C-alpha atoms as a PDB file:
ATOM      1  CA  MET A   1      -0.348   0.333  -0.210  1.00  0.00           C
ATOM      2  CA  ALA A   2       2.702   2.648   1.024  1.00  0.00           C
ATOM      3  CA  ARG A   3       4.447   2.297  -2.591  1.00  0.00           C
ATOM      4  CA  SER A   4       1.124   2.240  -3.902  1.00  0.00           C
ATOM      5  CA  ILE A   5       0.804   6.037  -2.521  1.00  0.00           C
ATOM      6  CA  ILE A   6       4.774   7.160  -3.375  1.00  0.00           C
ATOM      7  CA  LEU A   7       3.667   5.513  -6.745  1.00  0.00           C
ATOM      8  CA  LEU A   8       0.845   7.895  -6.506  1.00  0.00           C
ATOM      9  CA  THR A   9       2.410  10.843  -5.056  1.00  0.00           C
ATOM     10  CA  LEU A  10       5.477  10.784  -8.068  1.00  0.00           C
ATOM     11  CA  ILE A  11       3.086  10.486 -10.780  1.00  0.00           C
ATOM     12  CA  THR A  12       0.835  13.663  -9.293  1.00  0.00           C
ATOM     13  CA  ILE A  13       4.317  15.370  -9.521  1.00  0.00           C
ATOM     14  CA  LEU A  14       4.971  13.920 -13.115  1.00  0.00           C
ATOM     15  CA  PHE A  15       2.100  15.517 -14.194  1.00  0.00           C
ATOM     16  CA  SER A  16       2.310  18.648 -11.990  1.00  0.00           C
ATOM     17  CA  SER A  17       5.438  19.639 -13.142  1.00  0.00           C
ATOM     18  CA  LEU A  18       3.865  18.267 -17.357  1.00  0.00           C
ATOM     19  CA  SER A  19       1.199  21.454 -16.315  1.00  0.00           C
ATOM     20  CA  PHE A  20       3.327  23.843 -14.998  1.00  0.00           C
ATOM     21  CA  ALA A  21       5.499  23.610 -18.338  1.00  0.00           C
ATOM     22  CA  GLN A  22       2.761  23.615 -20.628  1.00  0.00           C
ATOM     23  CA  ASN A  23       1.299  26.661 -19.109  1.00  0.00           C
ATOM     24  CA  ASP A  24       4.577  28.474 -19.345  1.00  0.00           C
ATOM     25  CA  GLU A  25       4.614  27.326 -23.083  1.00  0.00           C
ATOM     26  CA  ALA A  26       0.839  28.778 -23.357  1.00  0.00           C
ATOM     27  CA  GLU A  27       1.869  32.562 -21.515  1.00  0.00           C
ATOM     28  CA  PRO A  28       4.662  34.338 -23.353  1.00  0.00           C
ATOM     29  CA  GLU A  29       6.581  37.157 -21.701  1.00  0.00           C
ATOM     30  CA  ASN A  30       5.980  39.653 -23.674  1.00  0.00           C
ATOM     31  CA  SER A  31       3.099  40.791 -26.129  1.00  0.00           C
ATOM     32  CA  VAL A  32       2.226  43.102 -29.347  1.00  0.00           C
ATOM     33  CA  LEU A  33      -1.069  44.051 -30.679  1.00  0.00           C
ATOM     34  CA  LEU A  34      -0.627  43.297 -34.866  1.00  0.00           C
ATOM     35  CA  PHE A  35      -3.370  46.110 -36.077  1.00  0.00           C
ATOM     36  CA  THR A  36      -4.251  46.284 -39.696  1.00  0.00           C
ATOM     37  CA  LYS A  37      -7.200  48.116 -40.807  1.00  0.00           C
ATOM     38  CA  THR A  38      -8.026  50.554 -43.928  1.00  0.00           C
ATOM     39  CA  GLU A  39      -9.820  53.164 -45.154  1.00  0.00           C
ATOM     40  CA  GLY A  40      -7.709  53.712 -47.786  1.00  0.00           C
ATOM     41  CA  TRP A  41      -6.092  51.569 -50.304  1.00  0.00           C
ATOM     42  CA  ARG A  42      -6.344  47.798 -48.704  1.00  0.00           C
ATOM     43  CA  HIS A  43      -2.943  45.960 -49.560  1.00  0.00           C
ATOM     44  CA  ALA A  44      -3.106  42.227 -50.685  1.00  0.00           C
ATOM     45  CA  SER A  45      -0.330  41.330 -48.516  1.00  0.00           C
ATOM     46  CA  ILE A  46      -2.469  42.142 -45.096  1.00  0.00           C
ATOM     47  CA  GLU A  47      -3.425  38.538 -44.572  1.00  0.00           C
ATOM     48  CA  PRO A  48       0.540  37.137 -45.279  1.00  0.00           C
ATOM     49  CA  GLY A  49       1.899  39.482 -43.714  1.00  0.00           C
ATOM     50  CA  ALA A  50      -0.208  39.100 -40.646  1.00  0.00           C
ATOM     51  CA  MET A  51       0.030  35.094 -40.810  1.00  0.00           C
ATOM     52  CA  ALA A  52       3.706  35.901 -40.999  1.00  0.00           C
ATOM     53  CA  VAL A  53       3.468  37.793 -37.925  1.00  0.00           C
ATOM     54  CA  LYS A  54       2.070  35.368 -35.984  1.00  0.00           C
ATOM     55  CA  LYS A  55       4.523  32.507 -37.104  1.00  0.00           C
ATOM     56  CA  LEU A  56       6.830  35.197 -35.838  1.00  0.00           C
ATOM     57  CA  GLY A  57       5.392  35.135 -32.377  1.00  0.00           C
ATOM     58  CA  GLN A  58       5.320  31.936 -32.394  1.00  0.00           C
ATOM     59  CA  GLU A  59       9.294  30.878 -33.361  1.00  0.00           C
ATOM     60  CA  ASN A  60      10.856  34.098 -31.031  1.00  0.00           C
ATOM     61  CA  GLY A  61       8.381  33.814 -27.829  1.00  0.00           C
ATOM     62  CA  PHE A  62       5.981  36.540 -28.298  1.00  0.00           C
ATOM     63  CA  SER A  63       2.425  36.365 -28.875  1.00  0.00           C
ATOM     64  CA  VAL A  64       0.737  38.375 -30.973  1.00  0.00           C
ATOM     65  CA  ILE A  65      -3.151  39.781 -30.952  1.00  0.00           C
ATOM     66  CA  TRP A  66      -4.056  40.520 -34.570  1.00  0.00           C
ATOM     67  CA  THR A  67      -7.524  43.341 -34.651  1.00  0.00           C
ATOM     68  CA  GLU A  68      -9.159  46.133 -36.602  1.00  0.00           C
ATOM     69  CA  ASP A  69     -10.947  46.802 -34.054  1.00  0.00           C
ATOM     70  CA  THR A  70     -10.099  50.228 -33.397  1.00  0.00           C
ATOM     71  CA  TYR A  71     -11.913  49.129 -29.642  1.00  0.00           C
ATOM     72  CA  SER A  72      -8.328  47.546 -28.551  1.00  0.00           C
ATOM     73  CA  PHE A  73      -6.678  51.296 -28.628  1.00  0.00           C
ATOM     74  CA  SER A  74      -8.137  51.667 -25.223  1.00  0.00           C
ATOM     75  CA  GLU A  75      -5.452  53.028 -22.182  1.00  0.00           C
ATOM     76  CA  GLU A  76      -6.888  49.356 -19.739  1.00  0.00           C
ATOM     77  CA  ASN A  77      -6.552  47.530 -23.451  1.00  0.00           C
ATOM     78  CA  LEU A  78      -2.830  48.643 -24.570  1.00  0.00           C
ATOM     79  CA  ALA A  79      -1.180  48.398 -21.384  1.00  0.00           C
ATOM     80  CA  LYS A  80      -1.431  44.677 -21.918  1.00  0.00           C
ATOM     81  CA  TYR A  81       1.119  45.043 -25.495  1.00  0.00           C
ATOM     82  CA  ASP A  82       4.938  45.564 -25.093  1.00  0.00           C
ATOM     83  CA  ALA A  83       4.317  47.000 -29.312  1.00  0.00           C
ATOM     84  CA  VAL A  84       1.960  48.040 -31.688  1.00  0.00           C
ATOM     85  CA  ILE A  85       2.495  47.013 -34.983  1.00  0.00           C
ATOM     86  CA  PHE A  86       0.643  48.882 -37.803  1.00  0.00           C
ATOM     87  CA  LEU A  87       0.678  46.889 -40.666  1.00  0.00           C
ATOM     88  CA  ASN A  88      -0.614  48.423 -44.160  1.00  0.00           C
ATOM     89  CA  THR A  89      -2.790  50.699 -42.702  1.00  0.00           C
ATOM     90  CA  THR A  90      -4.213  53.191 -44.689  1.00  0.00           C
ATOM     91  CA  LEU A  91      -5.944  57.077 -43.589  1.00  0.00           C
ATOM     92  CA  ASP A  92      -8.285  57.592 -40.156  1.00  0.00           C
ATOM     93  CA  VAL A  93      -8.364  54.298 -38.374  1.00  0.00           C
ATOM     94  CA  LEU A  94      -8.127  56.002 -35.120  1.00  0.00           C
ATOM     95  CA  ASP A  95     -10.611  58.451 -33.739  1.00  0.00           C
ATOM     96  CA  THR A  96      -9.655  61.213 -31.103  1.00  0.00           C
ATOM     97  CA  PRO A  97      -9.629  58.988 -27.636  1.00  0.00           C
ATOM     98  CA  GLU A  98      -8.250  56.198 -29.756  1.00  0.00           C
ATOM     99  CA  GLN A  99      -5.233  58.814 -30.150  1.00  0.00           C
ATOM    100  CA  ASN A 100      -5.275  59.924 -26.611  1.00  0.00           C
ATOM    101  CA  ALA A 101      -5.429  56.233 -25.231  1.00  0.00           C
ATOM    102  CA  PHE A 102      -1.901  55.706 -27.923  1.00  0.00           C
ATOM    103  CA  GLU A 103      -0.058  58.752 -27.024  1.00  0.00           C
ATOM    104  CA  ASN A 104      -0.029  57.666 -23.365  1.00  0.00           C
ATOM    105  CA  TYR A 105       0.605  54.348 -24.716  1.00  0.00           C
ATOM    106  CA  ILE A 106       3.581  55.215 -26.168  1.00  0.00           C
ATOM    107  CA  GLN A 107       4.260  57.978 -23.130  1.00  0.00           C
ATOM    108  CA  ASN A 108       4.549  55.374 -20.548  1.00  0.00           C
ATOM    109  CA  GLY A 109       6.875  53.635 -22.498  1.00  0.00           C
ATOM    110  CA  GLY A 110       4.837  51.475 -24.995  1.00  0.00           C
ATOM    111  CA  GLY A 111       6.251  50.199 -28.516  1.00  0.00           C
ATOM    112  CA  PHE A 112       5.736  51.196 -32.125  1.00  0.00           C
ATOM    113  CA  VAL A 113       6.514  49.629 -35.592  1.00  0.00           C
ATOM    114  CA  GLY A 114       5.362  50.315 -38.399  1.00  0.00           C
ATOM    115  CA  MET A 115       5.353  48.890 -41.815  1.00  0.00           C
ATOM    116  CA  HIS A 116       5.026  50.276 -45.421  1.00  0.00           C
ATOM    117  CA  ALA A 117       1.928  52.188 -45.992  1.00  0.00           C
ATOM    118  CA  ALA A 118       1.899  52.698 -41.663  1.00  0.00           C
ATOM    119  CA  ALA A 119       2.930  56.014 -44.150  1.00  0.00           C
ATOM    120  CA  ASP A 120       0.445  56.578 -45.088  1.00  0.00           C
ATOM    121  CA  THR A 121      -1.733  56.446 -41.930  1.00  0.00           C
ATOM    122  CA  GLU A 122      -3.227  60.490 -40.274  1.00  0.00           C
ATOM    123  CA  TYR A 123      -2.188  62.659 -42.136  1.00  0.00           C
ATOM    124  CA  ASN A 124      -3.806  65.204 -39.825  1.00  0.00           C
ATOM    125  CA  TRP A 125      -2.130  63.828 -36.923  1.00  0.00           C
ATOM    126  CA  GLN A 126       1.125  65.206 -36.187  1.00  0.00           C
ATOM    127  CA  TRP A 127       2.131  63.423 -33.483  1.00  0.00           C
ATOM    128  CA  TYR A 128       1.982  60.101 -35.312  1.00  0.00           C
ATOM    129  CA  GLY A 129       3.548  61.461 -38.526  1.00  0.00           C
ATOM    130  CA  ASP A 130       6.518  62.116 -36.239  1.00  0.00           C
ATOM    131  CA  LEU A 131       6.213  58.775 -34.234  1.00  0.00           C
ATOM    132  CA  VAL A 132       6.223  56.855 -37.840  1.00  0.00           C
ATOM    133  CA  GLY A 133       8.826  59.109 -38.448  1.00  0.00           C
ATOM    134  CA  GLY A 134       7.584  59.845 -42.165  1.00  0.00           C
ATOM    135  CA  TRP A 135       4.734  60.257 -44.342  1.00  0.00           C
ATOM    136  CA  PHE A 136       4.040  58.872 -47.572  1.00  0.00           C
ATOM    137  CA  ASN A 137       3.802  61.547 -51.114  1.00  0.00           C
ATOM    138  CA  SER A 138       4.474  59.010 -54.355  1.00  0.00           C
ATOM    139  CA  HIS A 139       5.644  55.451 -55.960  1.00  0.00           C
ATOM    140  CA  PRO A 140       6.930  54.724 -59.110  1.00  0.00           C
ATOM    141  CA  GLY A 141       3.673  53.745 -61.737  1.00  0.00           C
ATOM    142  CA  ASN A 142       3.730  51.273 -64.559  1.00  0.00           C
ATOM    143  CA  PRO A 143       5.202  49.008 -62.486  1.00  0.00           C
ATOM    144  CA  ASN A 144       4.906  50.298 -59.089  1.00  0.00           C
ATOM    145  CA  VAL A 145       6.964  47.347 -58.017  1.00  0.00           C
ATOM    146  CA  ARG A 146      10.369  47.227 -59.388  1.00  0.00           C
ATOM    147  CA  ASP A 147      13.673  45.926 -58.550  1.00  0.00           C
ATOM    148  CA  ALA A 148      16.202  48.124 -56.952  1.00  0.00           C
ATOM    149  CA  THR A 149      18.963  48.261 -54.244  1.00  0.00           C
ATOM    150  CA  VAL A 150      18.781  48.830 -50.548  1.00  0.00           C
ATOM    151  CA  LEU A 151      21.659  50.459 -48.547  1.00  0.00           C
ATOM    152  CA  LEU A 152      23.314  49.498 -45.584  1.00  0.00           C
ATOM    153  CA  VAL A 153      23.501  52.645 -43.867  1.00  0.00           C
ATOM    154  CA  ASP A 154      23.649  51.408 -39.508  1.00  0.00           C
ATOM    155  CA  GLY A 155      24.359  47.355 -39.290  1.00  0.00           C
ATOM    156  CA  ASN A 156      24.648  47.837 -35.555  1.00  0.00           C
ATOM    157  CA  HIS A 157      20.630  47.377 -35.324  1.00  0.00           C
ATOM    158  CA  PRO A 158      18.181  44.292 -35.008  1.00  0.00           C
ATOM    159  CA  ALA A 159      16.449  45.060 -37.975  1.00  0.00           C
ATOM    160  CA  THR A 160      19.888  44.792 -39.913  1.00  0.00           C
ATOM    161  CA  GLU A 161      22.487  42.843 -38.508  1.00  0.00           C
ATOM    162  CA  HIS A 162      22.089  40.116 -41.140  1.00  0.00           C
ATOM    163  CA  LEU A 163      21.482  42.418 -43.683  1.00  0.00           C
ATOM    164  CA  PRO A 164      24.460  42.914 -47.213  1.00  0.00           C
ATOM    165  CA  ASN A 165      25.981  46.140 -47.801  1.00  0.00           C
ATOM    166  CA  GLU A 166      23.802  46.021 -50.890  1.00  0.00           C
ATOM    167  CA  TRP A 167      20.625  44.450 -50.783  1.00  0.00           C
ATOM    168  CA  ASP A 168      18.951  43.460 -54.284  1.00  0.00           C
ATOM    169  CA  ARG A 169      14.830  43.266 -53.724  1.00  0.00           C
ATOM    170  CA  ALA A 170      11.919  44.348 -55.547  1.00  0.00           C
ATOM    171  CA  ASP A 171       8.989  46.152 -53.214  1.00  0.00           C
ATOM    172  CA  GLU A 172       7.155  49.566 -53.780  1.00  0.00           C
ATOM    173  CA  TRP A 173       9.484  52.266 -53.412  1.00  0.00           C
ATOM    174  CA  TYR A 174       8.234  55.087 -51.883  1.00  0.00           C
ATOM    175  CA  ASN A 175       8.880  58.608 -51.561  1.00  0.00           C
ATOM    176  CA  TYR A 176       7.741  60.468 -48.802  1.00  0.00           C
ATOM    177  CA  LYS A 177       6.378  63.841 -47.883  1.00  0.00           C
ATOM    178  CA  TYR A 178       7.518  64.091 -44.428  1.00  0.00           C
ATOM    179  CA  PHE A 179      10.573  63.261 -42.938  1.00  0.00           C
ATOM    180  CA  ASN A 180      10.791  63.367 -38.830  1.00  0.00           C
ATOM    181  CA  LYS A 181      14.328  64.757 -38.709  1.00  0.00           C
ATOM    182  CA  ASP A 182      14.581  62.794 -35.956  1.00  0.00           C
ATOM    183  CA  THR A 183      14.922  59.041 -36.114  1.00  0.00           C
ATOM    184  CA  LYS A 184      18.224  57.415 -36.774  1.00  0.00           C
ATOM    185  CA  THR A 185      18.519  55.737 -40.732  1.00  0.00           C
ATOM    186  CA  LEU A 186      18.726  52.427 -41.176  1.00  0.00           C
ATOM    187  CA  LEU A 187      18.584  51.345 -44.991  1.00  0.00           C
ATOM    188  CA  GLU A 188      18.664  53.891 -47.491  1.00  0.00           C
ATOM    189  CA  LEU A 189      17.956  53.129 -51.376  1.00  0.00           C
ATOM    190  CA  ASP A 190      20.373  53.480 -53.963  1.00  0.00           C
ATOM    191  CA  THR A 191      18.316  56.231 -55.986  1.00  0.00           C
ATOM    192  CA  ASN A 192      20.596  54.949 -59.560  1.00  0.00           C
ATOM    193  CA  SER A 193      19.356  51.416 -59.191  1.00  0.00           C
ATOM    194  CA  TYR A 194      15.908  52.068 -60.310  1.00  0.00           C
ATOM    195  CA  GLU A 195      13.550  54.693 -61.557  1.00  0.00           C
ATOM    196  CA  GLY A 196      11.518  57.060 -59.769  1.00  0.00           C
ATOM    197  CA  SER A 197      13.112  58.269 -56.579  1.00  0.00           C
ATOM    198  CA  GLU A 198      12.210  61.853 -55.421  1.00  0.00           C
ATOM    199  CA  HIS A 199      14.812  61.609 -52.604  1.00  0.00           C
ATOM    200  CA  PRO A 200      17.643  61.880 -55.408  1.00  0.00           C
ATOM    201  CA  GLY A 201      21.627  61.072 -53.137  1.00  0.00           C
ATOM    202  CA  ASN A 202      19.183  60.718 -49.847  1.00  0.00           C
ATOM    203  CA  HIS A 203      16.439  57.976 -49.803  1.00  0.00           C
ATOM    204  CA  PRO A 204      15.768  56.577 -46.493  1.00  0.00           C
ATOM    205  CA  ILE A 205      13.992  53.767 -46.593  1.00  0.00           C
ATOM    206  CA  SER A 206      13.930  52.022 -42.953  1.00  0.00           C
ATOM    207  CA  TRP A 207      15.000  54.074 -39.506  1.00  0.00           C
ATOM    208  CA  TYR A 208      14.444  53.719 -36.229  1.00  0.00           C
ATOM    209  CA  HIS A 209      14.252  56.371 -33.020  1.00  0.00           C
ATOM    210  CA  GLU A 210      13.338  57.159 -29.564  1.00  0.00           C
ATOM    211  CA  TYR A 211      10.423  58.585 -29.220  1.00  0.00           C
ATOM    212  CA  ASP A 212       8.048  60.165 -26.613  1.00  0.00           C
ATOM    213  CA  GLY A 213       8.830  58.023 -24.182  1.00  0.00           C
ATOM    214  CA  GLY A 214       8.893  54.857 -26.082  1.00  0.00           C
ATOM    215  CA  ARG A 215      10.426  53.104 -29.044  1.00  0.00           C
ATOM    216  CA  ALA A 216      10.020  53.233 -32.390  1.00  0.00           C
ATOM    217  CA  PHE A 217      10.135  51.692 -35.871  1.00  0.00           C
ATOM    218  CA  TYR A 218       9.403  51.972 -39.307  1.00  0.00           C
ATOM    219  CA  THR A 219      10.372  50.064 -42.645  1.00  0.00           C
ATOM    220  CA  GLY A 220       9.241  51.250 -46.160  1.00  0.00           C
ATOM    221  CA  LEU A 221       9.332  47.584 -47.278  1.00  0.00           C
ATOM    222  CA  GLY A 222       6.451  44.965 -47.182  1.00  0.00           C
ATOM    223  CA  HIS A 223       4.019  46.431 -50.120  1.00  0.00           C
ATOM    224  CA  THR A 224       4.594  42.658 -51.921  1.00  0.00           C
ATOM    225  CA  SER A 225       2.875  39.560 -50.380  1.00  0.00           C
ATOM    226  CA  GLU A 226       5.848  37.912 -51.699  1.00  0.00           C
ATOM    227  CA  SER A 227       7.700  39.868 -48.702  1.00  0.00           C
ATOM    228  CA  PHE A 228       6.215  38.316 -46.154  1.00  0.00           C
ATOM    229  CA  SER A 229       8.066  34.239 -47.662  1.00  0.00           C
ATOM    230  CA  GLU A 230      11.383  36.068 -47.512  1.00  0.00           C
ATOM    231  CA  GLU A 231      13.651  35.582 -45.096  1.00  0.00           C
ATOM    232  CA  ALA A 232      15.913  38.581 -45.281  1.00  0.00           C
ATOM    233  CA  TYR A 233      12.274  40.460 -44.644  1.00  0.00           C
ATOM    234  CA  LEU A 234      11.158  38.447 -42.329  1.00  0.00           C
ATOM    235  CA  LYS A 235      14.783  39.145 -39.935  1.00  0.00           C
ATOM    236  CA  HIS A 236      14.509  42.553 -40.519  1.00  0.00           C
ATOM    237  CA  ILE A 237      10.966  43.394 -39.254  1.00  0.00           C
ATOM    238  CA  LEU A 238      11.626  40.370 -36.615  1.00  0.00           C
ATOM    239  CA  GLY A 239      14.324  42.945 -35.344  1.00  0.00           C
ATOM    240  CA  GLY A 240      12.158  45.807 -35.910  1.00  0.00           C
ATOM    241  CA  ILE A 241       9.778  44.623 -33.551  1.00  0.00           C
ATOM    242  CA  LYS A 242      12.240  43.545 -30.878  1.00  0.00           C
ATOM    243  CA  TYR A 243      13.628  46.183 -30.858  1.00  0.00           C
ATOM    244  CA  ALA A 244       9.899  48.008 -30.382  1.00  0.00           C
ATOM    245  CA  MET A 245       8.870  45.092 -27.490  1.00  0.00           C
ATOM    246  CA  GLY A 246      12.252  47.169 -25.577  1.00  0.00           C
ATOM    247  CA  VAL A 247      13.871  42.967 -25.323  1.00  0.00           C
ATOM    248  CA  ALA A 248      16.747  43.904 -28.065  1.00  0.00           C
ATOM    249  CA  ASP A 249      18.938  47.491 -28.277  1.00  0.00           C
ATOM    250  CA  ALA A 250      20.220  49.116 -30.844  1.00  0.00           C
ATOM    251  CA  GLU A 251      24.259  49.652 -30.437  1.00  0.00           C
END
């Protein structure tokens, strides 16, 4: 009888340990809110992009909540997240109370990641424009997606440390009508490698900065669905997410 009790106790302890391990695995320490609402052009890459970000989270230990519900932008809800990602959002997606809650979130140390059309969002909200670091103006057409060479400016950042000095790829290359001069450039476009740049000799396409109490990373790359199956690009946005969450620093 005593042996049976001992055996039962050991089995109970084993299953309890497994249960705790499963709970730890099911509840990552970090989390991000992935926001994809559009009021203008809707990119076909949003869905594959969201699935790619969720997969990055599964593989790298952070949870991803994907939403287009603006009610997520309350102070109480935003406090749950280490970073907020705007993936190809367009035009006016938040009302004034939601904007205020988001400002408060950043001011309290929150992180922001903007991908591609995040710069085509909230043109009448200067605080947001400064957060993103730039606003979209135009892009080349016929075709809008074309090959270009991306130049590495700063390789001491988790978003760029894996990239070569010259990175040849196809995307839709944005021109910007506004730049926040306080951002730190990570990548530029070689304006001689394609036609359509409005920033000859100095065309930033990815940057980061500390802003109003928080951290922000932006990349102009990510128009195409193919981007989100490209290993180098996925590492690029993963590094940006880690920086925004505060789990990786720019050196």
